[in-house]
Amino acid sequence: NLEPAFYRAIFGATRERGGNPFFVQQQPSVAFI
């Protein structure tokens, strides 16, 4: 909820996001909540 949507669109397709604790592609599902 802190990330701009365009940031996820650009960075989400790269492997460099792996292990980055400050990047999230999707928020927790309703089932997880």
PDB file of all heavy atoms in Angstrom:
ATOM      1  N   ASN A   1       0.809  -1.223   0.000  1.00  0.00           N
ATOM      2  CA  ASN A   1       0.000   0.000   0.000  1.00  0.00           C
ATOM      3  C   ASN A   1       0.836   1.264   0.000  1.00  0.00           C
ATOM      4  O   ASN A   1       0.305   2.366  -0.156  1.00  0.00           O
ATOM      5  CB  ASN A   1      -0.931  -0.007   1.214  1.00  0.00           C
ATOM      6  CG  ASN A   1      -2.091  -0.961   1.051  1.00  0.00           C
ATOM      7  OD1 ASN A   1      -3.108  -0.630   0.463  1.00  0.00           O
ATOM      8  ND2 ASN A   1      -1.947  -2.176   1.571  1.00  0.00           N
ATOM      9  N   LEU A   2       2.163   1.139   0.194  1.00  0.00           N
ATOM     10  CA  LEU A   2       3.053   2.284   0.120  1.00  0.00           C
ATOM     11  C   LEU A   2       3.661   2.463  -1.266  1.00  0.00           C
ATOM     12  O   LEU A   2       4.163   3.546  -1.589  1.00  0.00           O
ATOM     13  CB  LEU A   2       4.184   2.131   1.142  1.00  0.00           C
ATOM     14  CG  LEU A   2       3.828   2.359   2.610  1.00  0.00           C
ATOM     15  CD1 LEU A   2       4.950   1.860   3.511  1.00  0.00           C
ATOM     16  CD2 LEU A   2       3.549   3.828   2.891  1.00  0.00           C
ATOM     17  N   GLU A   3       3.649   1.413  -2.073  1.00  0.00           N
ATOM     18  CA  GLU A   3       4.311   1.445  -3.378  1.00  0.00           C
ATOM     19  C   GLU A   3       3.424   2.059  -4.460  1.00  0.00           C
ATOM     20  O   GLU A   3       2.239   1.721  -4.555  1.00  0.00           O
ATOM     21  CB  GLU A   3       4.671   0.031  -3.828  1.00  0.00           C
ATOM     22  CG  GLU A   3       5.717  -0.652  -2.995  1.00  0.00           C
ATOM     23  CD  GLU A   3       5.871  -2.105  -3.395  1.00  0.00           C
ATOM     24  OE1 GLU A   3       4.952  -2.648  -4.030  1.00  0.00           O
ATOM     25  OE2 GLU A   3       6.910  -2.686  -3.068  1.00  0.00           O
ATOM     26  N   PRO A   4       3.982   2.922  -5.305  1.00  0.00           N
ATOM     27  CA  PRO A   4       3.237   3.377  -6.484  1.00  0.00           C
ATOM     28  C   PRO A   4       3.003   2.203  -7.445  1.00  0.00           C
ATOM     29  O   PRO A   4       3.850   1.307  -7.565  1.00  0.00           O
ATOM     30  CB  PRO A   4       4.171   4.420  -7.111  1.00  0.00           C
ATOM     31  CG  PRO A   4       5.125   4.800  -6.033  1.00  0.00           C
ATOM     32  CD  PRO A   4       5.289   3.583  -5.178  1.00  0.00           C
ATOM     33  N   ALA A   5       1.882   2.197  -8.109  1.00  0.00           N
ATOM     34  CA  ALA A   5       1.538   1.085  -8.998  1.00  0.00           C
ATOM     35  C   ALA A   5       2.545   0.944 -10.138  1.00  0.00           C
ATOM     36  O   ALA A   5       2.877  -0.182 -10.549  1.00  0.00           O
ATOM     37  CB  ALA A   5       0.132   1.284  -9.552  1.00  0.00           C
ATOM     38  N   PHE A   6       3.054   2.048 -10.656  1.00  0.00           N
ATOM     39  CA  PHE A   6       3.983   1.960 -11.791  1.00  0.00           C
ATOM     40  C   PHE A   6       5.295   1.302 -11.370  1.00  0.00           C
ATOM     41  O   PHE A   6       5.975   0.677 -12.189  1.00  0.00           O
ATOM     42  CB  PHE A   6       4.247   3.359 -12.377  1.00  0.00           C
ATOM     43  CG  PHE A   6       5.184   4.216 -11.571  1.00  0.00           C
ATOM     44  CD1 PHE A   6       6.552   4.179 -11.773  1.00  0.00           C
ATOM     45  CD2 PHE A   6       4.684   5.071 -10.601  1.00  0.00           C
ATOM     46  CE1 PHE A   6       7.408   4.976 -11.038  1.00  0.00           C
ATOM     47  CE2 PHE A   6       5.536   5.871  -9.854  1.00  0.00           C
ATOM     48  CZ  PHE A   6       6.904   5.819 -10.073  1.00  0.00           C
ATOM     49  N   TYR A   7       5.653   1.408 -10.086  1.00  0.00           N
ATOM     50  CA  TYR A   7       6.871   0.770  -9.595  1.00  0.00           C
ATOM     51  C   TYR A   7       6.730  -0.749  -9.657  1.00  0.00           C
ATOM     52  O   TYR A   7       7.648  -1.460 -10.072  1.00  0.00           O
ATOM     53  CB  TYR A   7       7.137   1.235  -8.171  1.00  0.00           C
ATOM     54  CG  TYR A   7       8.339   0.599  -7.515  1.00  0.00           C
ATOM     55  CD1 TYR A   7       9.577   0.592  -8.140  1.00  0.00           C
ATOM     56  CD2 TYR A   7       8.231   0.010  -6.258  1.00  0.00           C
ATOM     57  CE1 TYR A   7      10.681   0.018  -7.533  1.00  0.00           C
ATOM     58  CE2 TYR A   7       9.331  -0.565  -5.640  1.00  0.00           C
ATOM     59  CZ  TYR A   7      10.551  -0.564  -6.287  1.00  0.00           C
ATOM     60  OH  TYR A   7      11.630  -1.144  -5.676  1.00  0.00           O
ATOM     61  N   ARG A   8       5.573  -1.264  -9.248  1.00  0.00           N
ATOM     62  CA  ARG A   8       5.347  -2.707  -9.325  1.00  0.00           C
ATOM     63  C   ARG A   8       5.311  -3.186 -10.760  1.00  0.00           C
ATOM     64  O   ARG A   8       5.771  -4.284 -11.074  1.00  0.00           O
ATOM     65  CB  ARG A   8       4.040  -3.067  -8.616  1.00  0.00           C
ATOM     66  CG  ARG A   8       4.080  -2.885  -7.113  1.00  0.00           C
ATOM     67  CD  ARG A   8       2.894  -3.573  -6.453  1.00  0.00           C
ATOM     68  NE  ARG A   8       1.630  -2.978  -6.878  1.00  0.00           N
ATOM     69  CZ  ARG A   8       1.057  -1.954  -6.270  1.00  0.00           C
ATOM     70  NH1 ARG A   8       1.645  -1.409  -5.222  1.00  0.00           N
ATOM     71  NH2 ARG A   8      -0.089  -1.475  -6.695  1.00  0.00           N
ATOM     72  N   ALA A   9       4.752  -2.359 -11.653  1.00  0.00           N
ATOM     73  CA  ALA A   9       4.666  -2.754 -13.058  1.00  0.00           C
ATOM     74  C   ALA A   9       6.047  -2.865 -13.699  1.00  0.00           C
ATOM     75  O   ALA A   9       6.298  -3.753 -14.524  1.00  0.00           O
ATOM     76  CB  ALA A   9       3.809  -1.750 -13.832  1.00  0.00           C
ATOM     77  N   ILE A  10       6.969  -1.993 -13.302  1.00  0.00           N
ATOM     78  CA  ILE A  10       8.311  -2.000 -13.899  1.00  0.00           C
ATOM     79  C   ILE A  10       9.213  -3.024 -13.214  1.00  0.00           C
ATOM     80  O   ILE A  10       9.832  -3.867 -13.856  1.00  0.00           O
ATOM     81  CB  ILE A  10       8.938  -0.597 -13.803  1.00  0.00           C
ATOM     82  CG1 ILE A  10       8.130   0.400 -14.642  1.00  0.00           C
ATOM     83  CG2 ILE A  10      10.384  -0.624 -14.270  1.00  0.00           C
ATOM     84  CD1 ILE A  10       8.587   1.832 -14.490  1.00  0.00           C
ATOM     85  N   PHE A  11       9.256  -2.962 -11.893  1.00  0.00           N
ATOM     86  CA  PHE A  11      10.219  -3.773 -11.149  1.00  0.00           C
ATOM     87  C   PHE A  11       9.730  -5.189 -10.923  1.00  0.00           C
ATOM     88  O   PHE A  11      10.522  -6.105 -10.707  1.00  0.00           O
ATOM     89  CB  PHE A  11      10.512  -3.110  -9.806  1.00  0.00           C
ATOM     90  CG  PHE A  11      11.720  -3.655  -9.094  1.00  0.00           C
ATOM     91  CD1 PHE A  11      12.935  -3.762  -9.740  1.00  0.00           C
ATOM     92  CD2 PHE A  11      11.633  -4.065  -7.775  1.00  0.00           C
ATOM     93  CE1 PHE A  11      14.051  -4.248  -9.094  1.00  0.00           C
ATOM     94  CE2 PHE A  11      12.744  -4.559  -7.114  1.00  0.00           C
ATOM     95  CZ  PHE A  11      13.960  -4.652  -7.781  1.00  0.00           C
ATOM     96  N   GLY A  12       8.427  -5.396 -11.004  1.00  0.00           N
ATOM     97  CA  GLY A  12       7.873  -6.706 -10.697  1.00  0.00           C
ATOM     98  C   GLY A  12       8.239  -7.779 -11.684  1.00  0.00           C
ATOM     99  O   GLY A  12       8.185  -8.969 -11.373  1.00  0.00           O
ATOM    100  N   ALA A  13       8.630  -7.387 -12.886  1.00  0.00           N
ATOM    101  CA  ALA A  13       8.965  -8.377 -13.902  1.00  0.00           C
ATOM    102  C   ALA A  13      10.426  -8.789 -13.862  1.00  0.00           C
ATOM    103  O   ALA A  13      10.854  -9.622 -14.650  1.00  0.00           O
ATOM    104  CB  ALA A  13       8.616  -7.826 -15.283  1.00  0.00           C
ATOM    105  N   THR A  14      11.212  -8.245 -12.969  1.00  0.00           N
ATOM    106  CA  THR A  14      12.647  -8.537 -12.919  1.00  0.00           C
ATOM    107  C   THR A  14      12.977  -9.467 -11.764  1.00  0.00           C
ATOM    108  O   THR A  14      12.299  -9.476 -10.740  1.00  0.00           O
ATOM    109  CB  THR A  14      13.450  -7.241 -12.754  1.00  0.00           C
ATOM    110  OG1 THR A  14      13.155  -6.674 -11.475  1.00  0.00           O
ATOM    111  CG2 THR A  14      13.104  -6.238 -13.842  1.00  0.00           C
ATOM    112  N   ARG A  15      14.032 -10.232 -11.927  1.00  0.00           N
ATOM    113  CA  ARG A  15      14.453 -11.143 -10.861  1.00  0.00           C
ATOM    114  C   ARG A  15      15.164 -10.409  -9.732  1.00  0.00           C
ATOM    115  O   ARG A  15      15.315 -10.950  -8.639  1.00  0.00           O
ATOM    116  CB  ARG A  15      15.395 -12.210 -11.439  1.00  0.00           C
ATOM    117  CG  ARG A  15      14.663 -13.305 -12.211  1.00  0.00           C
ATOM    118  CD  ARG A  15      15.605 -14.455 -12.526  1.00  0.00           C
ATOM    119  NE  ARG A  15      14.878 -15.574 -13.092  1.00  0.00           N
ATOM    120  CZ  ARG A  15      15.428 -16.748 -13.395  1.00  0.00           C
ATOM    121  NH1 ARG A  15      16.730 -16.929 -13.176  1.00  0.00           N
ATOM    122  NH2 ARG A  15      14.707 -17.723 -13.900  1.00  0.00           N
ATOM    123  N   GLU A  16      15.591  -9.182  -9.995  1.00  0.00           N
ATOM    124  CA  GLU A  16      16.296  -8.434  -8.963  1.00  0.00           C
ATOM    125  C   GLU A  16      15.406  -8.143  -7.756  1.00  0.00           C
ATOM    126  O   GLU A  16      15.890  -7.798  -6.689  1.00  0.00           O
ATOM    127  CB  GLU A  16      16.815  -7.113  -9.534  1.00  0.00           C
ATOM    128  CG  GLU A  16      18.039  -7.255 -10.425  1.00  0.00           C
ATOM    129  CD  GLU A  16      17.697  -7.787 -11.813  1.00  0.00           C
ATOM    130  OE1 GLU A  16      16.488  -7.933 -12.127  1.00  0.00           O
ATOM    131  OE2 GLU A  16      18.630  -8.064 -12.579  1.00  0.00           O
ATOM    132  N   ARG A  17      14.105  -8.292  -7.914  1.00  0.00           N
ATOM    133  CA  ARG A  17      13.216  -8.056  -6.788  1.00  0.00           C
ATOM    134  C   ARG A  17      13.328  -9.167  -5.751  1.00  0.00           C
ATOM    135  O   ARG A  17      12.900  -9.011  -4.609  1.00  0.00           O
ATOM    136  CB  ARG A  17      11.770  -7.981  -7.282  1.00  0.00           C
ATOM    137  CG  ARG A  17      11.219  -9.320  -7.784  1.00  0.00           C
ATOM    138  CD  ARG A  17       9.826  -9.147  -8.355  1.00  0.00           C
ATOM    139  NE  ARG A  17       9.338 -10.369  -8.952  1.00  0.00           N
ATOM    140  CZ  ARG A  17       8.720 -11.339  -8.296  1.00  0.00           C
ATOM    141  NH1 ARG A  17       8.543 -11.229  -7.002  1.00  0.00           N
ATOM    142  NH2 ARG A  17       8.289 -12.420  -8.923  1.00  0.00           N
ATOM    143  N   GLY A  18      13.879 -10.324  -6.137  1.00  0.00           N
ATOM    144  CA  GLY A  18      13.998 -11.441  -5.221  1.00  0.00           C
ATOM    145  C   GLY A  18      14.812 -11.080  -3.996  1.00  0.00           C
ATOM    146  O   GLY A  18      15.922 -10.577  -4.100  1.00  0.00           O
ATOM    147  N   GLY A  19      14.263 -11.332  -2.826  1.00  0.00           N
ATOM    148  CA  GLY A  19      14.957 -11.024  -1.589  1.00  0.00           C
ATOM    149  C   GLY A  19      14.850  -9.580  -1.154  1.00  0.00           C
ATOM    150  O   GLY A  19      15.397  -9.220  -0.110  1.00  0.00           O
ATOM    151  N   ASN A  20      14.181  -8.745  -1.929  1.00  0.00           N
ATOM    152  CA  ASN A  20      14.028  -7.341  -1.550  1.00  0.00           C
ATOM    153  C   ASN A  20      12.870  -7.215  -0.560  1.00  0.00           C
ATOM    154  O   ASN A  20      11.707  -7.392  -0.936  1.00  0.00           O
ATOM    155  CB  ASN A  20      13.747  -6.495  -2.790  1.00  0.00           C
ATOM    156  CG  ASN A  20      13.717  -5.001  -2.484  1.00  0.00           C
ATOM    157  OD1 ASN A  20      13.674  -4.600  -1.331  1.00  0.00           O
ATOM    158  ND2 ASN A  20      13.733  -4.193  -3.514  1.00  0.00           N
ATOM    159  N   PRO A  21      13.153  -6.925   0.717  1.00  0.00           N
ATOM    160  CA  PRO A  21      12.070  -6.850   1.705  1.00  0.00           C
ATOM    161  C   PRO A  21      11.219  -5.604   1.561  1.00  0.00           C
ATOM    162  O   PRO A  21      10.223  -5.452   2.267  1.00  0.00           O
ATOM    163  CB  PRO A  21      12.821  -6.850   3.045  1.00  0.00           C
ATOM    164  CG  PRO A  21      14.142  -6.232   2.723  1.00  0.00           C
ATOM    165  CD  PRO A  21      14.475  -6.660   1.314  1.00  0.00           C
ATOM    166  N   PHE A  22      11.613  -4.704   0.646  1.00  0.00           N
ATOM    167  CA  PHE A  22      10.881  -3.456   0.474  1.00  0.00           C
ATOM    168  C   PHE A  22      10.153  -3.400  -0.877  1.00  0.00           C
ATOM    169  O   PHE A  22       9.819  -2.321  -1.358  1.00  0.00           O
ATOM    170  CB  PHE A  22      11.837  -2.275   0.604  1.00  0.00           C
ATOM    171  CG  PHE A  22      12.639  -2.305   1.870  1.00  0.00           C
ATOM    172  CD1 PHE A  22      14.006  -2.413   1.841  1.00  0.00           C
ATOM    173  CD2 PHE A  22      12.010  -2.244   3.095  1.00  0.00           C
ATOM    174  CE1 PHE A  22      14.753  -2.454   3.011  1.00  0.00           C
ATOM    175  CE2 PHE A  22      12.725  -2.285   4.277  1.00  0.00           C
ATOM    176  CZ  PHE A  22      14.112  -2.392   4.226  1.00  0.00           C
ATOM    177  N   PHE A  23       9.938  -4.585  -1.455  1.00  0.00           N
ATOM    178  CA  PHE A  23       9.141  -4.647  -2.679  1.00  0.00           C
ATOM    179  C   PHE A  23       8.154  -5.790  -2.556  1.00  0.00           C
ATOM    180  O   PHE A  23       8.511  -6.903  -2.171  1.00  0.00           O
ATOM    181  CB  PHE A  23      10.017  -4.861  -3.911  1.00  0.00           C
ATOM    182  CG  PHE A  23       9.211  -5.101  -5.166  1.00  0.00           C
ATOM    183  CD1 PHE A  23       8.645  -4.038  -5.843  1.00  0.00           C
ATOM    184  CD2 PHE A  23       8.980  -6.389  -5.633  1.00  0.00           C
ATOM    185  CE1 PHE A  23       7.869  -4.243  -6.972  1.00  0.00           C
ATOM    186  CE2 PHE A  23       8.212  -6.608  -6.766  1.00  0.00           C
ATOM    187  CZ  PHE A  23       7.656  -5.527  -7.436  1.00  0.00           C
ATOM    188  N   VAL A  24       6.904  -5.514  -2.895  1.00  0.00           N
ATOM    189  CA  VAL A  24       5.847  -6.523  -2.826  1.00  0.00           C
ATOM    190  C   VAL A  24       5.004  -6.431  -4.087  1.00  0.00           C
ATOM    191  O   VAL A  24       4.546  -5.337  -4.457  1.00  0.00           O
ATOM    192  CB  VAL A  24       4.953  -6.312  -1.584  1.00  0.00           C
ATOM    193  CG1 VAL A  24       3.822  -7.326  -1.559  1.00  0.00           C
ATOM    194  CG2 VAL A  24       5.784  -6.436  -0.310  1.00  0.00           C
ATOM    195  N   GLN A  25       4.826  -7.561  -4.744  1.00  0.00           N
ATOM    196  CA  GLN A  25       4.072  -7.583  -5.988  1.00  0.00           C
ATOM    197  C   GLN A  25       2.560  -7.593  -5.744  1.00  0.00           C
ATOM    198  O   GLN A  25       1.796  -7.033  -6.510  1.00  0.00           O
ATOM    199  CB  GLN A  25       4.466  -8.810  -6.823  1.00  0.00           C
ATOM    200  CG  GLN A  25       3.801  -8.881  -8.193  1.00  0.00           C
ATOM    201  CD  GLN A  25       4.213  -7.748  -9.122  1.00  0.00           C
ATOM    202  OE1 GLN A  25       5.307  -7.192  -8.981  1.00  0.00           O
ATOM    203  NE2 GLN A  25       3.360  -7.388 -10.048  1.00  0.00           N
ATOM    204  N   GLN A  26       2.130  -8.247  -4.665  1.00  0.00           N
ATOM    205  CA  GLN A  26       0.706  -8.284  -4.355  1.00  0.00           C
ATOM    206  C   GLN A  26       0.500  -8.349  -2.844  1.00  0.00           C
ATOM    207  O   GLN A  26       1.342  -8.886  -2.123  1.00  0.00           O
ATOM    208  CB  GLN A  26       0.031  -9.485  -5.018  1.00  0.00           C
ATOM    209  CG  GLN A  26       0.636 -10.831  -4.642  1.00  0.00           C
ATOM    210  CD  GLN A  26       0.040 -11.977  -5.408  1.00  0.00           C
ATOM    211  OE1 GLN A  26      -0.780 -11.772  -6.301  1.00  0.00           O
ATOM    212  NE2 GLN A  26       0.427 -13.186  -5.071  1.00  0.00           N
ATOM    213  N   GLN A  27      -0.618  -7.799  -2.402  1.00  0.00           N
ATOM    214  CA  GLN A  27      -0.879  -7.782  -0.980  1.00  0.00           C
ATOM    215  C   GLN A  27      -1.482  -9.110  -0.532  1.00  0.00           C
ATOM    216  O   GLN A  27      -1.901  -9.921  -1.359  1.00  0.00           O
ATOM    217  CB  GLN A  27      -1.810  -6.630  -0.624  1.00  0.00           C
ATOM    218  CG  GLN A  27      -3.173  -6.672  -1.263  1.00  0.00           C
ATOM    219  CD  GLN A  27      -3.990  -5.453  -0.898  1.00  0.00           C
ATOM    220  OE1 GLN A  27      -3.782  -4.800   0.118  1.00  0.00           O
ATOM    221  NE2 GLN A  27      -4.955  -5.119  -1.741  1.00  0.00           N
ATOM    222  N   PRO A  28      -1.515  -9.380   0.789  1.00  0.00           N
ATOM    223  CA  PRO A  28      -2.054 -10.648   1.275  1.00  0.00           C
ATOM    224  C   PRO A  28      -3.485 -10.879   0.781  1.00  0.00           C
ATOM    225  O   PRO A  28      -4.283  -9.947   0.680  1.00  0.00           O
ATOM    226  CB  PRO A  28      -2.001 -10.489   2.797  1.00  0.00           C
ATOM    227  CG  PRO A  28      -0.913  -9.498   3.031  1.00  0.00           C
ATOM    228  CD  PRO A  28      -0.978  -8.551   1.879  1.00  0.00           C
ATOM    229  N   SER A  29      -3.774 -12.141   0.497  1.00  0.00           N
ATOM    230  CA  SER A  29      -5.106 -12.498   0.019  1.00  0.00           C
ATOM    231  C   SER A  29      -6.124 -12.429   1.155  1.00  0.00           C
ATOM    232  O   SER A  29      -5.770 -12.370   2.342  1.00  0.00           O
ATOM    233  CB  SER A  29      -5.089 -13.911  -0.569  1.00  0.00           C
ATOM    234  OG  SER A  29      -4.765 -14.859   0.440  1.00  0.00           O
ATOM    235  N   VAL A  30      -7.392 -12.461   0.774  1.00  0.00           N
ATOM    236  CA  VAL A  30      -8.457 -12.469   1.780  1.00  0.00           C
ATOM    237  C   VAL A  30      -8.351 -13.719   2.652  1.00  0.00           C
ATOM    238  O   VAL A  30      -8.572 -13.667   3.868  1.00  0.00           O
ATOM    239  CB  VAL A  30      -9.832 -12.400   1.089  1.00  0.00           C
ATOM    240  CG1 VAL A  30     -10.954 -12.543   2.112  1.00  0.00           C
ATOM    241  CG2 VAL A  30      -9.978 -11.093   0.316  1.00  0.00           C
ATOM    242  N   ALA A  31      -7.981 -14.837   2.018  1.00  0.00           N
ATOM    243  CA  ALA A  31      -7.834 -16.083   2.779  1.00  0.00           C
ATOM    244  C   ALA A  31      -6.749 -15.948   3.845  1.00  0.00           C
ATOM    245  O   ALA A  31      -6.906 -16.446   4.970  1.00  0.00           O
ATOM    246  CB  ALA A  31      -7.514 -17.237   1.826  1.00  0.00           C
ATOM    247  N   PHE A  32      -5.649 -15.271   3.497  1.00  0.00           N
ATOM    248  CA  PHE A  32      -4.580 -15.114   4.483  1.00  0.00           C
ATOM    249  C   PHE A  32      -5.018 -14.179   5.607  1.00  0.00           C
ATOM    250  O   PHE A  32      -4.661 -14.410   6.778  1.00  0.00           O
ATOM    251  CB  PHE A  32      -3.319 -14.563   3.827  1.00  0.00           C
ATOM    252  CG  PHE A  32      -2.176 -14.404   4.786  1.00  0.00           C
ATOM    253  CD1 PHE A  32      -1.368 -15.484   5.110  1.00  0.00           C
ATOM    254  CD2 PHE A  32      -1.923 -13.180   5.397  1.00  0.00           C
ATOM    255  CE1 PHE A  32      -0.332 -15.352   6.028  1.00  0.00           C
ATOM    256  CE2 PHE A  32      -0.885 -13.040   6.301  1.00  0.00           C
ATOM    257  CZ  PHE A  32      -0.087 -14.131   6.611  1.00  0.00           C
ATOM    258  N   ILE A  33      -5.751 -13.133   5.289  1.00  0.00           N
ATOM    259  CA  ILE A  33      -6.227 -12.219   6.335  1.00  0.00           C
ATOM    260  C   ILE A  33      -7.154 -12.960   7.293  1.00  0.00           C
ATOM    261  O   ILE A  33      -7.090 -12.779   8.522  1.00  0.00           O
ATOM    262  CB  ILE A  33      -6.945 -11.019   5.690  1.00  0.00           C
ATOM    263  CG1 ILE A  33      -5.939 -10.184   4.879  1.00  0.00           C
ATOM    264  CG2 ILE A  33      -7.615 -10.160   6.754  1.00  0.00           C
ATOM    265  CD1 ILE A  33      -6.560  -9.058   4.108  1.00  0.00           C
TER     266      ILE A  33
END
